[in-house]
């Protein structure tokens, strides 16, 4: 199986954007501004930043699992 660097890069970007958008959708439903006193603009920035953090962490985990599975399949084919 041949992996091109540009394919991996595109898949990584798509994965990050997907998980960040899922995290943004999820965090918006929590309504953080109800629980923490802050201005509306500050709450929006906090939601975006938390979305990036949680989305990146989830995406990195997903990508690592996929890479581990690909590594195992390559290893078992070489036996």
Protein backbone atom coordinates (compact mmCIF):
# COMPACT_ATOMS: atom_id res chain seq x y z
CA UNK A 1 0.00 0.00 0.00
CA UNK A 2 1.52 3.29 -1.09
CA UNK A 3 0.76 6.36 1.04
CA UNK A 4 1.46 9.75 -0.44
CA UNK A 5 2.28 12.58 1.90
CA UNK A 6 -0.37 14.83 0.38
CA UNK A 7 -3.11 12.25 0.95
CA UNK A 8 -2.13 11.91 4.60
CA UNK A 9 -2.01 15.70 4.94
CA UNK A 10 -5.48 16.14 3.43
CA UNK A 11 -6.92 13.39 5.61
CA UNK A 12 -5.37 14.99 8.71
CA UNK A 13 -6.81 18.42 7.87
CA UNK A 14 -10.24 16.96 7.14
CA UNK A 15 -10.17 14.97 10.38
CA UNK A 16 -9.17 18.00 12.44
CA UNK A 17 -11.86 20.19 10.88
CA UNK A 18 -14.50 17.49 11.31
CA UNK A 19 -13.77 16.91 14.99
CA UNK A 20 -13.44 20.65 15.70
CA UNK A 21 -16.86 21.25 14.13
CA UNK A 22 -18.37 18.40 16.19
CA UNK A 23 -16.80 19.84 19.36
CA UNK A 24 -18.07 23.33 18.49
CA UNK A 25 -21.61 21.99 17.98
CA UNK A 26 -21.41 20.10 21.28
CA UNK A 27 -19.96 22.96 23.35
CA UNK A 28 -22.50 25.46 22.02
CA UNK A 29 -25.30 23.30 23.42
CA UNK A 30 -23.77 23.49 26.91
CA UNK A 31 -24.20 27.31 27.11
CA UNK A 32 -21.06 28.04 29.11
CA UNK A 33 -22.09 31.65 29.62
CA UNK A 34 -24.81 30.47 32.04
CA UNK A 35 -22.26 28.91 34.38
CA UNK A 36 -19.33 31.33 34.15
CA UNK A 37 -19.71 35.09 34.45
CA UNK A 38 -18.23 36.71 31.37
CA UNK A 39 -19.16 38.97 28.51
CA UNK A 40 -20.86 37.45 25.49
CA UNK A 41 -17.84 38.06 23.26
CA UNK A 42 -15.56 36.38 25.79
CA UNK A 43 -17.87 33.37 25.94
CA UNK A 44 -17.80 33.07 22.14
CA UNK A 45 -14.00 33.15 22.07
CA UNK A 46 -13.88 30.58 24.87
CA UNK A 47 -16.24 28.28 22.96
CA UNK A 48 -14.09 28.51 19.83
CA UNK A 49 -10.87 27.86 21.75
CA UNK A 50 -12.33 24.90 23.65
CA UNK A 51 -13.68 23.51 20.39
CA UNK A 52 -10.22 23.65 18.83
CA UNK A 53 -8.64 21.97 21.87
CA UNK A 54 -11.19 19.15 22.19
CA UNK A 55 -11.48 18.67 18.43
CA UNK A 56 -7.71 18.46 17.98
CA UNK A 57 -7.33 15.97 20.83
CA UNK A 58 -10.11 13.72 19.50
CA UNK A 59 -8.81 13.96 15.94
CA UNK A 60 -5.25 13.13 17.02
CA UNK A 61 -6.52 10.10 18.91
CA UNK A 62 -8.50 8.93 15.88
CA UNK A 63 -5.53 9.41 13.55
CA UNK A 64 -3.21 7.55 15.95
CA UNK A 65 -5.62 4.60 16.14
CA UNK A 66 -5.86 4.44 12.34
CA UNK A 67 -2.05 4.61 12.02
CA UNK A 68 -1.68 1.84 14.60
CA UNK A 69 -4.13 -0.37 12.72
CA UNK A 70 -2.32 0.30 9.44
CA UNK A 71 0.98 -0.49 11.12
CA UNK A 72 -0.39 -3.79 12.44
CA UNK A 73 -1.75 -4.82 9.06
CA UNK A 74 1.59 -4.00 7.42
CA UNK A 75 3.39 -5.97 10.13
CA UNK A 76 1.16 -9.04 9.75
CA UNK A 77 1.56 -9.00 5.95
CA UNK A 78 5.35 -9.08 6.32
CA UNK A 79 5.22 -12.28 8.41
